[in-house]
Amino acid sequence: RQAIERDELRIYYQPIQSLINGHTIGFEALARWQHPARGLVLPSEFIPLAEETGIIYALDRWVLRKVCSQMQQWHTEFPLDPPLTVSVNISGKQISQPDLVEFVGQVLAETGFDPHYLNLEITESAIMEDGETTTAVLSQLQAMGVKIRIDDFGRGYSSLSYLSQFPINALKIDYLFVSAMAHGDKNSEIIQAIVMLAHSLGLQVIAEGVETEKQLDQLKGMGCENAQGYFICRPLSY
């Protein structure tokens, strides 16, 4: 709570690269805590606690407002065609909030940020918690122009049936599959299957956790169109 009140949170941006033309197509926004005594604290340390205590509601919304404001500023100062997109993670707990859609619309209106360049990322497990409510909320967000991405695909339920039932625009392959990938092994075959399945459903694919040129080349060969990871670029402050 004090981190938000004292403005100690920071947003880092990790570029997402097109494997088709090598261009940066957008960023994923990542929260960091600049603790006055401990230094930079990573989200793996404070996000679970934020979810457990309920602070995640305020944290998620603070991040969304900051990111939309910053992206609108960049779009104005550095116009590109097409404009860069940004992905923001939202907790599954946010989906159950009755005012989420209204809040997102309010932030977009206040900042002037075009909803077509905003991606909201939600994990598999979160999307499956309350299917009926999730479908309704995500459909309303899509109707506004916001894109929906499934984060860490392959780590959670991995129930293929929901891919055609929920309003989804893209899958992000979990970094654990990418980091263990090698020619001919099962992880490589799983990634290839995910890419083919996603494309058959009209979904884009983003591979997370790319750390070597070999991994990048393998993903290109599989038809994966986008990637992010330390090999491409580490998260950057601004």
Protein backbone atom coordinates (compact mmCIF):
# COMPACT_ATOMS: atom_id res chain seq x y z
CA ARG A 1 0.00 0.00 0.00
CA GLN A 2 2.76 2.40 0.89
CA ALA A 3 4.59 1.63 -2.35
CA ILE A 4 1.61 2.91 -4.33
CA GLU A 5 1.03 5.88 -1.99
CA ARG A 6 4.70 6.88 -2.11
CA ASP A 7 5.00 6.42 -5.87
CA GLU A 8 7.70 3.76 -5.50
CA LEU A 9 6.40 1.55 -8.32
CA ARG A 10 8.07 1.72 -11.72
CA ILE A 11 7.05 0.47 -15.16
CA TYR A 12 9.57 -1.37 -17.31
CA TYR A 13 8.89 -2.16 -20.97
CA GLN A 14 10.09 -5.32 -22.72
CA PRO A 15 9.99 -5.14 -26.54
CA ILE A 16 8.06 -7.74 -28.53
CA GLN A 17 9.62 -8.47 -31.92
CA SER A 18 8.05 -9.65 -35.14
CA LEU A 19 9.85 -12.77 -36.38
CA ILE A 20 8.55 -12.02 -39.85
CA ASN A 21 10.38 -8.74 -40.44
CA GLY A 22 12.47 -8.26 -37.27
CA HIS A 23 10.68 -5.05 -36.28
CA THR A 24 9.59 -4.16 -32.76
CA ILE A 25 5.80 -4.27 -32.78
CA GLY A 26 5.15 -3.30 -29.18
CA PHE A 27 5.97 -3.84 -25.52
CA GLU A 28 4.89 -5.74 -22.46
CA ALA A 29 4.57 -3.46 -19.44
CA LEU A 30 6.11 -4.94 -16.29
CA ALA A 31 5.83 -3.56 -12.76
CA ARG A 32 8.87 -3.11 -10.53
CA TRP A 33 9.08 -1.85 -6.95
CA GLN A 34 11.86 0.64 -6.28
CA HIS A 35 12.11 -0.03 -2.57
CA PRO A 36 13.93 2.72 -0.61
CA ALA A 37 15.96 0.16 1.36
CA ARG A 38 15.97 -3.06 -0.68
CA GLY A 39 16.43 -1.52 -4.11
CA LEU A 40 14.62 -2.88 -7.15
CA VAL A 41 12.15 -5.62 -6.17
CA LEU A 42 10.87 -7.93 -8.94
CA PRO A 43 7.16 -8.79 -9.33
CA SER A 44 7.76 -12.45 -8.45
CA GLU A 45 8.31 -11.22 -4.89
CA PHE A 46 5.46 -8.76 -4.44
CA ILE A 47 2.68 -9.78 -6.86
CA PRO A 48 1.69 -12.96 -4.94
CA LEU A 49 1.47 -10.93 -1.74
CA ALA A 50 -0.52 -8.23 -3.52
CA GLU A 51 -3.01 -10.86 -4.73
CA GLU A 52 -3.27 -12.44 -1.29
CA THR A 53 -3.95 -9.13 0.45
CA GLY A 54 -6.18 -7.60 -2.22
CA ILE A 55 -3.74 -4.81 -3.06
CA ILE A 56 -3.60 -6.25 -6.58
CA TYR A 57 -6.76 -4.34 -7.49
CA ALA A 58 -5.14 -0.96 -6.88
CA LEU A 59 -1.81 -2.09 -8.33
CA ASP A 60 -3.30 -3.37 -11.60
CA ARG A 61 -5.26 -0.19 -12.10
CA TRP A 62 -2.32 2.04 -11.28
CA VAL A 63 -0.25 0.21 -13.90
CA LEU A 64 -2.96 0.43 -16.56
CA ARG A 65 -3.40 4.16 -16.10
CA LYS A 66 0.35 4.85 -16.13
CA VAL A 67 0.97 2.67 -19.19
CA CYS A 68 -1.87 4.11 -21.28
CA SER A 69 -0.73 7.64 -20.47
CA GLN A 70 2.89 6.86 -21.39
CA MET A 71 1.97 5.04 -24.62
CA GLN A 72 -0.24 7.89 -25.74
CA GLN A 73 2.67 10.28 -25.14
CA TRP A 74 4.99 8.07 -27.23
CA HIS A 75 2.42 7.73 -30.01
CA THR A 76 2.21 11.51 -30.17
CA GLU A 77 5.96 12.16 -30.02
CA PHE A 78 7.08 9.23 -32.19
CA PRO A 79 4.31 8.43 -34.67
CA LEU A 80 4.77 5.11 -36.46
CA ASP A 81 2.74 3.16 -39.00
CA PRO A 82 1.49 0.91 -37.56
CA PRO A 83 1.69 2.33 -34.03
CA LEU A 84 3.36 0.29 -31.31
CA THR A 85 1.11 -1.80 -29.09
CA VAL A 86 1.40 -2.46 -25.35
CA SER A 87 0.44 -5.48 -23.25
CA VAL A 88 -0.68 -5.11 -19.64
CA ASN A 89 -1.17 -8.04 -17.28
CA ILE A 90 -4.38 -8.14 -15.30
CA SER A 91 -5.07 -10.40 -12.35
CA GLY A 92 -7.86 -12.93 -12.60
CA LYS A 93 -9.36 -11.20 -9.58
CA GLN A 94 -9.92 -8.09 -11.70
CA ILE A 95 -12.20 -9.99 -14.07
CA SER A 96 -14.74 -10.47 -11.30
CA GLN A 97 -14.88 -6.75 -10.54
CA PRO A 98 -18.17 -5.31 -11.82
CA ASP A 99 -16.61 -1.98 -12.79
CA LEU A 100 -13.58 -3.33 -14.72
CA VAL A 101 -14.93 -2.59 -18.19
CA GLU A 102 -16.06 0.86 -17.09
CA PHE A 103 -12.65 1.56 -15.55
CA VAL A 104 -10.76 0.52 -18.71
CA GLY A 105 -13.03 2.73 -20.81
CA GLN A 106 -12.50 5.63 -18.42
CA VAL A 107 -8.70 5.28 -18.56
CA LEU A 108 -8.72 5.14 -22.35
CA ALA A 109 -10.93 8.22 -22.52
CA GLU A 110 -8.83 10.18 -20.02
CA THR A 111 -5.50 9.35 -21.67
CA GLY A 112 -6.72 9.42 -25.28
CA PHE A 113 -5.01 6.08 -25.94
CA ASP A 114 -6.50 4.11 -28.82
CA PRO A 115 -7.93 0.81 -27.45
CA HIS A 116 -6.88 -1.05 -30.62
CA TYR A 117 -3.24 -0.84 -29.45
CA LEU A 118 -3.91 -2.13 -25.93
CA ASN A 119 -3.54 -5.84 -25.15
CA LEU A 120 -4.73 -7.20 -21.82
CA GLU A 121 -3.01 -10.42 -20.73
CA ILE A 122 -4.66 -12.97 -18.46
CA THR A 123 -3.43 -16.42 -17.46
CA GLU A 124 -5.12 -19.70 -18.37
CA SER A 125 -6.00 -20.51 -14.77
CA ALA A 126 -7.59 -17.10 -14.28
CA ILE A 127 -9.69 -17.32 -17.42
CA MET A 128 -11.10 -20.69 -16.32
CA GLU A 129 -12.16 -19.67 -12.81
CA ASP A 130 -15.59 -18.32 -13.80
CA GLY A 131 -16.18 -19.02 -17.47
CA GLU A 132 -19.50 -17.24 -17.81
CA THR A 133 -18.37 -14.02 -16.15
CA THR A 134 -15.01 -14.08 -17.92
CA THR A 135 -16.63 -14.48 -21.33
CA ALA A 136 -18.97 -11.55 -20.72
CA VAL A 137 -16.22 -9.23 -19.47
CA LEU A 138 -13.69 -10.11 -22.18
CA SER A 139 -16.37 -9.74 -24.87
CA GLN A 140 -17.16 -6.23 -23.64
CA LEU A 141 -13.48 -5.31 -23.64
CA GLN A 142 -13.08 -6.66 -27.17
CA ALA A 143 -16.12 -4.66 -28.27
CA MET A 144 -14.22 -1.54 -27.14
CA GLY A 145 -11.32 -2.52 -29.41
CA VAL A 146 -9.05 -3.97 -26.70
CA LYS A 147 -7.20 -7.20 -27.59
CA ILE A 148 -7.11 -10.19 -25.23
CA ARG A 149 -4.07 -12.44 -24.85
CA ILE A 150 -3.66 -15.68 -22.89
CA ASP A 151 -0.43 -15.43 -20.90
CA ASP A 152 1.82 -18.38 -19.97
CA PHE A 153 -0.08 -20.73 -22.28
CA GLY A 154 0.71 -24.35 -21.48
CA ARG A 155 1.34 -23.86 -17.76
CA GLY A 156 -2.26 -23.88 -16.58
CA TYR A 157 -5.30 -25.92 -17.52
CA SER A 158 -4.37 -26.23 -21.20
CA SER A 159 -7.95 -27.17 -21.97
CA LEU A 160 -8.18 -26.73 -25.70
CA SER A 161 -11.95 -26.33 -25.63
CA TYR A 162 -11.80 -22.83 -24.13
CA LEU A 163 -9.73 -21.49 -27.02
CA SER A 164 -12.78 -21.48 -29.26
CA GLN A 165 -15.21 -20.48 -26.51
CA PHE A 166 -13.54 -17.39 -25.06
CA PRO A 167 -12.92 -14.11 -26.91
CA ILE A 168 -9.15 -14.35 -27.42
CA ASN A 169 -6.80 -12.68 -29.92
CA ALA A 170 -3.42 -14.26 -29.14
CA LEU A 171 -1.54 -16.90 -27.15
CA LYS A 172 1.76 -16.39 -25.36
CA ILE A 173 3.73 -19.64 -25.16
CA ASP A 174 5.08 -20.15 -21.65
CA TYR A 175 8.81 -19.53 -21.35
CA LEU A 176 9.37 -22.97 -19.77
CA PHE A 177 8.64 -24.62 -23.12
CA VAL A 178 10.92 -22.21 -24.96
CA SER A 179 13.82 -22.53 -22.51
CA ALA A 180 13.74 -26.35 -22.75
CA MET A 181 13.36 -26.39 -26.51
CA ALA A 182 15.83 -28.30 -28.68
CA HIS A 183 15.53 -29.86 -32.13
CA GLY A 184 13.40 -32.97 -32.07
CA ASP A 185 12.50 -32.97 -28.38
CA LYS A 186 8.97 -33.00 -27.00
CA ASN A 187 9.00 -29.33 -26.00
CA SER A 188 9.73 -28.39 -29.59
CA GLU A 189 6.89 -30.60 -30.80
CA ILE A 190 4.51 -29.05 -28.27
CA ILE A 191 5.41 -25.54 -29.42
CA GLN A 192 4.86 -26.53 -33.04
CA ALA A 193 1.46 -27.97 -32.13
CA ILE A 194 0.50 -24.80 -30.24
CA VAL A 195 1.48 -22.61 -33.20
CA MET A 196 -0.52 -24.73 -35.63
CA LEU A 197 -3.55 -24.84 -33.32
CA ALA A 198 -3.49 -21.10 -32.72
CA HIS A 199 -3.23 -20.31 -36.41
CA SER A 200 -6.10 -22.68 -37.23
CA LEU A 201 -8.23 -20.63 -34.81
CA GLY A 202 -7.06 -17.31 -36.24
CA LEU A 203 -4.95 -16.43 -33.19
CA GLN A 204 -1.53 -14.82 -33.12
CA VAL A 205 1.34 -16.44 -31.23
CA ILE A 206 4.03 -14.82 -29.08
CA ALA A 207 6.85 -16.92 -27.63
CA GLU A 208 8.13 -15.79 -24.23
CA GLY A 209 11.57 -16.25 -22.72
CA VAL A 210 13.69 -16.34 -25.88
CA GLU A 211 17.30 -16.30 -24.69
CA THR A 212 19.36 -17.66 -27.62
CA GLU A 213 19.66 -17.19 -31.36
CA LYS A 214 19.03 -20.93 -31.80
CA GLN A 215 15.67 -20.64 -30.06
CA LEU A 216 14.77 -17.66 -32.22
CA ASP A 217 15.63 -19.55 -35.41
CA GLN A 218 13.64 -22.59 -34.29
CA LEU A 219 10.59 -20.47 -33.56
CA LYS A 220 10.84 -18.81 -36.97
CA GLY A 221 10.96 -22.24 -38.58
CA MET A 222 7.80 -23.23 -36.75
CA GLY A 223 5.89 -20.23 -38.06
CA CYS A 224 5.72 -18.40 -34.72
CA GLU A 225 5.28 -14.76 -35.71
CA ASN A 226 6.31 -12.88 -32.55
CA ALA A 227 8.73 -13.30 -29.65
CA GLN A 228 10.14 -11.61 -26.58
CA GLY A 229 12.97 -12.44 -24.22
CA TYR A 230 16.44 -11.45 -23.05
CA PHE A 231 18.03 -12.37 -26.40
CA ILE A 232 15.87 -9.74 -28.07
CA CYS A 233 15.92 -7.17 -25.27
CA ARG A 234 15.66 -7.06 -21.50
CA PRO A 235 12.88 -5.00 -19.88
CA LEU A 236 13.83 -1.32 -20.01
CA SER A 237 13.03 1.63 -17.80
CA TYR A 238 12.33 5.04 -19.29
